[in-house]
Amino acid sequence: MRPSLIQPLWLALGLVVINLVMFLLLTTTLRPWLDDFVTDRYDEVLQNARSSMQHYFSSSTAANQQGIADALSKKLNSRCSIVPANRHNFSEAIMKRLRQPAAQQGLIDPVEHFIYYPLGKDHVAVLDPPPYPRWLMALSRDLHWILAVAINILLVYFYLRYRERRWSILEREIMKLPGMASIDNREQDIVEKVRQLNKLLADVQEEHGNLLLLQRDLLHGVAHEFRSPMARIQFALEMTEDADEAEQADLRAGIHQALNDLDKLVQELLYYARLKDSRSELDISSVKLMDLLASCMDHVSPFYPGIRFDLNADDPGVVIQADERLMKRMLLNLLRNAGRFAQSQCRIAIRHTEDRYLIRIEDDGSGVPPGKVKRIFEPFTRLDPSRSRDSGGCGLGLAVVDSIVRKHGWRIIVGESDLGGACFEVEIPGSMK
């Protein structure tokens, strides 16, 4: 039996047992009481009808008795007739009882419920059994069914109330989960919220999977990147024992440089890990794009004295909404990447289309090898073996750029520049102006 069927089966079995117990109670207690109640009420109806016959016929004459019978028929809603008092119309037992003195005030047949009123010795007024009052008939016929249905309705009602309370508790617990606070309580029922929760859990699972892959790749990358400075330190330490004082000074300087490279790599790794953390929030503010680019160029250009950096913009007053600190880091990394691989020139432009802004950074270097565009944004990726760690950077610059772009919801496109090198183009929606 499937577990999902157990609870409904138990509920159905419980309802059957309750109905059986209820049937026994109604049969053994309610039904006899109801029969007695109906009998007593009908006895009152018969006694009232007998009293009415006595009242009307006690002072009647032979001339108006038929008129009185017709009036009683209408009043009591039952046929009243005057018939001869003989054995043809009445049984011997009824005839015997009609002769008794007590019958002179009216006689009620306890079995057939006819009412007899003697009119002298020769005639008898006979009233057919009065009809049951409608409410009494309905009570006698339907009360036990009405009670059974009412009790079942109450059972279903209390069960639904219980389930509703359980659902309410579940709903409140769901809304306490991270990421569910943005759901509109007024518009979505519990089923829709469960769907949202399922989607949230799927997103969290996917994010955790991506983080595990990122962690694995970072561990491999860190191990590889640490190898070069650690090897330099080990080599320097081995050479120090046999070196003279001047050589030892150079070796110590090399050790310090390798340690600085390791520290720089660790700082970059921590920065990249913070960027990949989805819980970190952006500090959005208004950013003057032209001023920020000019500041970044002034910072980068002294490191590449042989490279000319040119900047132009369709609209020098462009203002966008972004995290200024992260955007500055993105621009610095793109400019450093362009300056590192350029031959003589880097061109930076700000373009404005109908629905977006474009930041275009181009160089006249060797460009990105065909089919390798996606890989350049992976951590510690160097597509050209000649571009080793010693040529600058720690292999995380473009990975950081890609994370900042994604965190803002922007897009970055890599293509060929008409200068001959690579062209990095960051698309920023114009609605963020």
Protein backbone atom coordinates (compact mmCIF):
# COMPACT_ATOMS: atom_id res chain seq x y z
CA MET A 1 0.00 0.00 0.00
CA ARG A 2 1.36 3.39 -0.89
CA PRO A 3 1.95 5.70 2.10
CA SER A 4 -0.08 8.45 0.44
CA LEU A 5 -3.22 6.26 0.64
CA ILE A 6 -2.96 5.39 4.34
CA GLN A 7 -4.37 8.59 5.76
CA PRO A 8 -7.45 8.79 3.46
CA LEU A 9 -8.24 5.13 4.17
CA TRP A 10 -8.03 5.67 7.91
CA LEU A 11 -10.26 8.72 7.60
CA ALA A 12 -12.84 6.80 5.59
CA LEU A 13 -12.73 3.88 8.04
CA GLY A 14 -13.14 6.27 10.97
CA LEU A 15 -16.13 7.92 9.31
CA VAL A 16 -17.75 4.50 8.72
CA VAL A 17 -17.23 3.50 12.37
CA ILE A 18 -18.64 6.80 13.62
CA ASN A 19 -21.70 6.39 11.40
CA LEU A 20 -22.28 2.81 12.66
CA VAL A 21 -22.07 3.96 16.28
CA MET A 22 -24.36 6.86 15.50
CA PHE A 23 -26.86 4.52 13.83
CA LEU A 24 -26.93 2.26 16.88
CA LEU A 25 -27.42 5.22 19.23
CA LEU A 26 -30.22 6.66 17.09
CA THR A 27 -31.91 3.27 16.85
CA THR A 28 -31.70 2.40 20.54
CA THR A 29 -32.28 5.82 22.11
CA LEU A 30 -33.54 8.48 19.77
CA ARG A 31 -35.98 6.42 17.75
CA PRO A 32 -38.03 5.11 20.73
CA TRP A 33 -38.12 8.58 22.25
CA LEU A 34 -39.18 10.05 18.92
CA ASP A 35 -41.95 7.46 18.51
CA ASP A 36 -43.26 8.21 21.99
CA PHE A 37 -43.12 11.92 21.32
CA VAL A 38 -45.02 11.60 18.03
CA THR A 39 -47.62 9.32 19.65
CA ASP A 40 -48.19 11.77 22.50
CA ARG A 41 -48.56 14.69 20.09
CA TYR A 42 -51.01 12.76 17.92
CA ASP A 43 -53.01 11.75 21.00
CA GLU A 44 -53.36 15.45 21.70
CA VAL A 45 -54.65 15.96 18.14
CA LEU A 46 -57.22 13.18 18.63
CA GLN A 47 -58.33 14.56 22.00
CA ASN A 48 -58.76 18.04 20.52
CA ALA A 49 -60.81 16.62 17.63
CA ARG A 50 -63.01 14.66 20.08
CA SER A 51 -63.49 17.82 22.16
CA SER A 52 -64.51 19.73 19.04
CA MET A 53 -67.09 17.05 18.14
CA GLN A 54 -68.49 17.12 21.68
CA HIS A 55 -68.69 20.89 21.65
CA TYR A 56 -70.59 21.11 18.36
CA PHE A 57 -72.80 18.01 18.62
CA SER A 58 -73.76 18.27 22.29
CA SER A 59 -76.46 20.88 21.56
CA SER A 60 -77.30 19.79 18.02
CA THR A 61 -80.65 18.70 16.62
CA ALA A 62 -81.40 16.18 13.94
CA ALA A 63 -82.03 19.06 11.53
CA ASN A 64 -78.58 20.69 11.79
CA GLN A 65 -76.36 17.66 12.49
CA GLN A 66 -75.34 17.22 8.84
CA GLY A 67 -74.41 20.90 8.63
CA ILE A 68 -72.31 20.54 11.79
CA ALA A 69 -70.59 17.45 10.29
CA ASP A 70 -69.72 19.40 7.12
CA ALA A 71 -68.34 22.29 9.20
CA LEU A 72 -66.21 19.92 11.27
CA SER A 73 -64.89 18.30 8.08
CA LYS A 74 -63.54 21.65 6.94
CA LYS A 75 -62.26 22.68 10.35
CA LEU A 76 -60.46 19.43 11.17
CA ASN A 77 -59.41 18.69 7.57
CA SER A 78 -60.90 15.21 7.86
CA ARG A 79 -64.21 13.76 6.70
CA CYS A 80 -67.00 13.80 9.30
CA SER A 81 -70.11 11.77 8.43
CA ILE A 82 -73.31 10.73 10.18
CA VAL A 83 -74.11 7.06 9.81
CA PRO A 84 -76.80 4.74 11.27
CA ALA A 85 -75.77 2.93 14.43
CA ASN A 86 -76.04 -0.69 13.30
CA ARG A 87 -73.86 -3.76 12.88
CA HIS A 88 -73.62 -3.13 9.15
CA ASN A 89 -71.53 0.00 9.79
CA PHE A 90 -69.78 -0.95 13.03
CA SER A 91 -68.25 -4.07 14.52
CA GLU A 92 -69.72 -5.73 17.55
CA ALA A 93 -66.88 -4.40 19.71
CA ILE A 94 -67.44 -0.80 18.65
CA MET A 95 -71.19 -1.16 19.11
CA LYS A 96 -70.63 -2.48 22.62
CA ARG A 97 -68.32 0.40 23.52
CA LEU A 98 -70.72 2.99 22.07
CA ARG A 99 -73.40 1.80 24.52
CA GLN A 100 -71.18 2.53 27.51
CA PRO A 101 -71.81 5.83 29.38
CA ALA A 102 -68.19 7.03 28.85
CA ALA A 103 -68.70 6.90 25.07
CA GLN A 104 -71.40 9.58 25.25
CA GLN A 105 -68.60 12.23 25.29
CA GLY A 106 -66.89 10.68 22.27
CA LEU A 107 -64.95 7.50 21.61
CA ILE A 108 -61.44 7.26 20.11
CA ASP A 109 -60.41 4.06 18.35
CA PRO A 110 -56.85 3.47 19.70
CA VAL A 111 -55.92 1.34 16.68
CA GLU A 112 -57.62 2.89 13.67
CA HIS A 113 -57.81 6.39 15.20
CA PHE A 114 -61.43 6.95 14.14
CA ILE A 115 -63.46 9.18 16.47
CA TYR A 116 -67.07 8.27 17.20
CA TYR A 117 -69.67 10.52 18.80
CA PRO A 118 -73.13 8.98 19.51
CA LEU A 119 -76.10 11.04 18.34
CA GLY A 120 -78.82 9.38 20.28
CA LYS A 121 -79.52 5.68 19.85
CA ASP A 122 -79.89 5.61 16.06
CA HIS A 123 -76.95 7.57 14.61
CA VAL A 124 -73.25 8.10 15.20
CA ALA A 125 -71.00 10.94 13.97
CA VAL A 126 -67.82 9.38 12.62
CA LEU A 127 -64.66 11.44 12.08
CA ASP A 128 -61.97 9.85 9.92
CA PRO A 129 -58.47 9.75 11.44
CA PRO A 130 -57.22 13.36 11.57
CA PRO A 131 -54.08 13.90 9.50
CA TYR A 132 -50.74 14.20 11.23
CA PRO A 133 -49.45 17.80 11.40
CA ARG A 134 -46.87 18.31 8.68
CA TRP A 135 -44.11 19.18 11.11
CA LEU A 136 -44.89 16.05 13.10
CA MET A 137 -44.80 13.88 9.99
CA ALA A 138 -41.49 15.43 8.91
CA LEU A 139 -40.05 14.98 12.40
CA SER A 140 -41.14 11.34 12.54
CA ARG A 141 -39.86 10.55 9.05
CA ASP A 142 -36.65 12.59 8.69
CA LEU A 143 -35.26 13.61 12.08
CA HIS A 144 -32.78 10.74 12.41
CA TRP A 145 -31.55 11.32 8.85
CA ILE A 146 -31.26 15.06 9.49
CA LEU A 147 -29.24 14.36 12.63
CA ALA A 148 -27.02 11.87 10.80
CA VAL A 149 -26.32 14.32 7.98
CA ALA A 150 -25.73 17.17 10.47
CA ILE A 151 -23.25 15.11 12.49
CA ASN A 152 -21.39 14.08 9.33
CA ILE A 153 -21.26 17.71 8.19
CA LEU A 154 -19.86 18.71 11.59
CA LEU A 155 -17.25 15.95 11.40
CA VAL A 156 -16.17 17.08 7.93
CA TYR A 157 -16.18 20.72 9.08
CA PHE A 158 -13.96 20.08 12.09
CA TYR A 159 -11.63 17.94 10.00
CA LEU A 160 -11.34 20.69 7.38
CA ARG A 161 -10.74 23.25 10.12
CA TYR A 162 -7.99 21.03 11.48
CA ARG A 163 -6.43 20.69 8.02
CA GLU A 164 -6.76 24.41 7.45
CA ARG A 165 -4.90 25.14 10.66
CA ARG A 166 -2.18 22.72 9.62
CA TRP A 167 -1.94 24.39 6.22
CA SER A 168 -1.77 27.80 7.91
CA ILE A 169 1.11 26.63 10.08
CA LEU A 170 2.85 25.22 7.00
CA GLU A 171 2.25 28.48 5.13
CA ARG A 172 3.73 30.55 7.95
CA GLU A 173 6.78 28.30 8.13
CA ILE A 174 7.24 28.53 4.36
CA MET A 175 7.10 32.32 4.50
CA LYS A 176 9.88 32.30 7.12
CA LEU A 177 12.28 30.68 4.65
CA PRO A 178 14.91 32.96 3.05
CA GLY A 179 13.81 34.24 -0.34
CA MET A 180 10.05 33.81 0.30
CA ALA A 181 9.42 37.22 1.88
CA SER A 182 8.87 38.84 -1.54
CA ILE A 183 5.82 36.67 -2.28
CA ASP A 184 2.51 38.55 -2.21
CA ASN A 185 0.35 36.86 0.46
CA ARG A 186 -2.84 38.42 -0.89
CA GLU A 187 -2.52 37.03 -4.38
CA GLN A 188 -1.10 33.54 -3.95
CA ASP A 189 -2.55 30.54 -2.17
CA ILE A 190 -0.61 27.82 -0.41
CA VAL A 191 -0.27 25.73 -3.59
CA GLU A 192 1.39 28.61 -5.44
CA LYS A 193 3.66 29.24 -2.47
CA VAL A 194 4.72 25.60 -2.47
CA ARG A 195 5.53 25.99 -6.18
CA GLN A 196 7.60 29.06 -5.32
CA LEU A 197 9.33 27.10 -2.57
CA ASN A 198 10.08 24.27 -4.97
CA LYS A 199 11.58 26.74 -7.44
CA LEU A 200 13.56 28.40 -4.65
CA LEU A 201 14.94 25.05 -3.49
CA ALA A 202 15.84 24.16 -7.08
CA ASP A 203 17.64 27.50 -7.46
CA VAL A 204 19.45 26.99 -4.16
CA GLN A 205 20.46 23.48 -5.20
CA GLU A 206 21.73 24.77 -8.52
CA GLU A 207 23.61 27.57 -6.78
CA HIS A 208 25.17 25.13 -4.33
CA GLY A 209 26.19 22.92 -7.23
CA ASN A 210 27.79 25.86 -8.97
CA LEU A 211 29.56 26.86 -5.77
CA LEU A 212 30.93 23.35 -5.37
CA LEU A 213 32.22 23.41 -8.93
CA LEU A 214 33.69 26.86 -8.32
CA GLN A 215 35.32 25.64 -5.12
CA ARG A 216 36.83 22.68 -6.95
CA ASP A 217 38.12 24.84 -9.78
CA LEU A 218 39.52 27.40 -7.34
CA LEU A 219 41.32 24.70 -5.38
CA HIS A 220 42.93 23.40 -8.55
CA GLY A 221 43.76 26.91 -9.66
CA VAL A 222 45.17 27.95 -6.31
CA ALA A 223 47.37 24.87 -6.17
CA HIS A 224 48.69 25.68 -9.63
CA GLU A 225 49.18 29.40 -8.98
CA PHE A 226 50.92 28.83 -5.67
CA ARG A 227 53.42 26.50 -7.30
CA SER A 228 55.46 29.18 -9.06
CA PRO A 229 56.12 31.57 -6.11
CA MET A 230 56.60 28.63 -3.74
CA ALA A 231 59.17 27.13 -6.11
CA ARG A 232 60.98 30.48 -6.26
CA ILE A 233 61.05 30.69 -2.48
CA GLN A 234 62.33 27.13 -2.14
CA PHE A 235 65.02 27.73 -4.76
CA ALA A 236 66.11 30.93 -3.05
CA LEU A 237 66.33 29.23 0.34
CA GLU A 238 68.44 26.41 -1.09
CA MET A 239 70.78 28.87 -2.79
CA THR A 240 71.19 31.13 0.26
CA GLU A 241 73.55 28.78 2.11
CA ASP A 242 76.21 28.78 -0.63
CA ALA A 243 75.73 32.36 -1.88
CA ASP A 244 77.87 35.34 -0.97
CA GLU A 245 76.44 38.41 0.73
CA ALA A 246 75.42 40.22 -2.49
CA GLU A 247 73.75 37.14 -3.91
CA GLN A 248 71.96 36.55 -0.59
CA ALA A 249 70.51 40.06 -0.75
CA ASP A 250 69.14 39.35 -4.23
CA LEU A 251 67.77 36.03 -3.09
CA ARG A 252 66.05 37.64 -0.07
CA ALA A 253 64.54 40.24 -2.40
CA GLY A 254 63.26 37.41 -4.59
CA ILE A 255 61.72 35.72 -1.56
CA HIS A 256 60.00 38.96 -0.54
CA GLN A 257 58.68 39.39 -4.08
CA ALA A 258 57.33 35.82 -4.13
CA LEU A 259 55.64 36.40 -0.76
CA ASN A 260 54.09 39.61 -2.08
CA ASP A 261 52.80 37.68 -5.09
CA LEU A 262 51.25 35.09 -2.77
CA ASP A 263 49.63 37.80 -0.66
CA LYS A 264 48.26 39.48 -3.78
CA LEU A 265 46.88 36.16 -5.00
CA VAL A 266 45.17 35.50 -1.65
CA GLN A 267 43.61 38.98 -1.69
CA GLU A 268 42.30 38.43 -5.21
CA LEU A 269 40.87 35.05 -4.23
CA LEU A 270 39.03 36.52 -1.26
CA TYR A 271 37.68 39.35 -3.38
CA TYR A 272 36.48 36.91 -6.05
CA ALA A 273 34.84 34.65 -3.43
CA ARG A 274 32.92 37.64 -2.00
CA LEU A 275 31.70 38.53 -5.48
CA LYS A 276 30.42 34.99 -6.06
CA ASP A 277 28.47 35.05 -2.79
CA SER A 278 24.84 35.66 -3.83
CA ARG A 279 24.00 37.04 -0.38
CA SER A 280 26.18 40.14 -0.87
CA GLU A 281 24.18 43.17 -1.96
CA LEU A 282 25.02 45.97 -4.37
CA ASP A 283 25.49 49.52 -3.11
CA ILE A 284 23.69 51.28 -5.96
CA SER A 285 24.34 54.97 -6.56
CA SER A 286 24.48 57.44 -9.43
CA VAL A 287 27.79 57.11 -11.29
CA LYS A 288 29.19 59.61 -13.81
CA LEU A 289 30.56 57.17 -16.32
CA MET A 290 32.93 59.54 -18.14
CA ASP A 291 34.57 60.74 -14.91
CA LEU A 292 34.96 57.18 -13.60
CA LEU A 293 36.60 55.99 -16.84
CA ALA A 294 38.96 58.95 -16.91
CA SER A 295 39.98 58.25 -13.30
CA CYS A 296 40.63 54.58 -14.09
CA MET A 297 42.71 55.49 -17.15
CA ASP A 298 44.83 57.88 -15.08
CA HIS A 299 45.43 55.04 -12.63
CA VAL A 300 46.36 52.40 -15.25
CA SER A 301 48.23 54.33 -17.95
CA PRO A 302 51.46 54.93 -15.89
CA PHE A 303 51.99 51.16 -15.75
CA TYR A 304 52.03 50.98 -19.58
CA PRO A 305 54.09 53.95 -20.76
CA GLY A 306 54.37 52.66 -24.31
CA ILE A 307 50.58 52.36 -24.78
CA ARG A 308 48.33 55.26 -25.79
CA PHE A 309 44.88 55.28 -24.14
CA ASP A 310 42.18 57.22 -26.05
CA LEU A 311 38.75 57.99 -24.58
CA ASN A 312 35.69 59.41 -26.33
CA ALA A 313 31.95 59.40 -25.62
CA ASP A 314 28.71 60.21 -27.43
CA ASP A 315 27.47 61.93 -24.29
CA PRO A 316 30.13 62.96 -21.72
CA GLY A 317 27.41 63.57 -19.11
CA VAL A 318 26.16 59.97 -18.99
CA VAL A 319 24.99 58.94 -15.50
CA ILE A 320 24.09 55.33 -14.69
CA GLN A 321 22.92 53.49 -11.58
CA ALA A 322 25.57 51.03 -10.36
CA ASP A 323 27.78 49.99 -7.48
CA GLU A 324 30.58 52.52 -8.04
CA ARG A 325 33.21 50.53 -6.14
CA LEU A 326 32.57 47.34 -8.13
CA MET A 327 32.28 49.21 -11.41
CA LYS A 328 35.64 50.87 -10.84
CA ARG A 329 37.19 47.45 -10.21
CA MET A 330 35.61 46.13 -13.42
CA LEU A 331 36.97 49.03 -15.51
CA LEU A 332 40.44 48.78 -13.95
CA ASN A 333 40.64 45.07 -14.75
CA LEU A 334 39.49 45.61 -18.36
CA LEU A 335 41.95 48.48 -18.88
CA ARG A 336 44.81 46.47 -17.36
CA ASN A 337 43.97 43.52 -19.56
CA ALA A 338 43.91 45.76 -22.65
CA GLY A 339 47.16 47.53 -21.68
CA ARG A 340 48.95 44.25 -20.94
CA PHE A 341 48.29 42.78 -24.38
CA ALA A 342 48.22 45.91 -26.56
CA GLN A 343 51.05 46.70 -28.94
CA SER A 344 50.73 50.49 -28.93
CA GLN A 345 47.12 51.61 -28.53
CA CYS A 346 43.96 51.11 -26.45
CA ARG A 347 40.72 52.76 -27.43
CA ILE A 348 37.90 53.35 -24.94
CA ALA A 349 34.45 54.56 -26.02
CA ILE A 350 31.05 55.21 -24.47
CA ARG A 351 28.19 54.72 -26.89
CA HIS A 352 24.47 55.28 -26.36
CA THR A 353 21.87 53.38 -28.38
CA GLU A 354 18.11 53.64 -28.10
CA ASP A 355 17.80 51.27 -25.15
CA ARG A 356 21.27 50.79 -23.66
CA TYR A 357 24.73 52.18 -23.02
CA LEU A 358 27.86 50.49 -24.32
CA ILE A 359 31.33 50.66 -22.79
CA ARG A 360 33.79 49.49 -25.45
CA ILE A 361 37.47 48.79 -24.66
CA GLU A 362 39.68 47.73 -27.58
CA ASP A 363 43.38 47.03 -28.08
CA ASP A 364 45.68 46.36 -31.00
CA GLY A 365 47.13 43.17 -29.56
CA SER A 366 46.80 39.61 -30.84
CA GLY A 367 43.13 39.23 -29.83
CA VAL A 368 41.31 36.22 -28.41
CA PRO A 369 41.88 32.87 -30.16
CA PRO A 370 38.78 31.61 -32.03
CA GLY A 371 36.47 29.44 -29.92
CA LYS A 372 38.12 30.49 -26.66
CA VAL A 373 35.88 33.44 -25.78
CA LYS A 374 33.96 31.71 -22.96
CA ARG A 375 37.10 30.33 -21.34
CA ILE A 376 38.72 33.72 -20.78
CA PHE A 377 36.22 34.44 -17.97
CA GLU A 378 37.12 31.27 -16.07
CA PRO A 379 39.42 31.68 -13.05
CA PHE A 380 43.17 31.20 -13.68
CA THR A 381 42.68 30.82 -17.43
CA ARG A 382 45.60 31.78 -19.73
CA LEU A 383 44.92 30.85 -23.32
CA ASP A 384 48.38 31.80 -24.54
CA PRO A 385 51.13 29.74 -22.84
CA SER A 386 53.51 32.65 -23.33
CA ARG A 387 51.35 34.77 -21.03
CA SER A 388 52.57 33.31 -17.75
CA ARG A 389 52.14 34.64 -14.23
CA ASP A 390 55.43 36.46 -14.61
CA SER A 391 53.86 38.66 -17.30
CA GLY A 392 51.54 40.16 -14.69
CA GLY A 393 48.23 39.39 -13.06
CA CYS A 394 47.07 36.35 -11.17
CA GLY A 395 44.53 34.92 -13.63
CA LEU A 396 41.40 36.29 -11.90
CA GLY A 397 41.02 39.68 -13.58
CA LEU A 398 38.45 38.76 -16.23
CA ALA A 399 36.70 36.31 -13.90
CA VAL A 400 36.14 39.24 -11.52
CA VAL A 401 34.88 41.36 -14.44
CA ASP A 402 32.37 38.67 -15.43
CA SER A 403 31.10 38.33 -11.83
CA ILE A 404 30.60 42.10 -11.47
CA VAL A 405 28.75 42.27 -14.80
CA ARG A 406 26.45 39.38 -13.84
CA LYS A 407 25.82 40.81 -10.39
CA HIS A 408 24.51 44.02 -12.00
CA GLY A 409 22.43 42.10 -14.55
CA TRP A 410 24.45 43.49 -17.45
CA ARG A 411 26.08 41.68 -20.36
CA ILE A 412 29.65 41.52 -21.66
CA ILE A 413 30.50 40.65 -25.26
CA VAL A 414 33.95 39.76 -26.58
CA GLY A 415 34.81 40.21 -30.22
CA GLU A 416 37.48 41.44 -32.62
CA SER A 417 38.52 45.06 -32.75
CA ASP A 418 39.19 46.89 -35.99
CA LEU A 419 42.54 47.71 -34.36
CA GLY A 420 43.41 44.04 -34.72
CA GLY A 421 43.13 42.94 -31.11
CA ALA A 422 40.30 42.13 -28.71
CA CYS A 423 37.17 44.19 -28.12
CA PHE A 424 35.33 43.98 -24.78
CA GLU A 425 31.89 45.55 -24.81
CA VAL A 426 29.78 45.93 -21.65
CA GLU A 427 26.05 46.47 -22.30
CA ILE A 428 24.15 48.48 -19.67
CA PRO A 429 20.36 48.85 -20.06
CA GLY A 430 19.36 52.45 -20.76
CA SER A 431 16.57 52.19 -18.19
CA MET A 432 19.23 52.40 -15.50
CA LYS A 433 20.01 55.96 -16.47
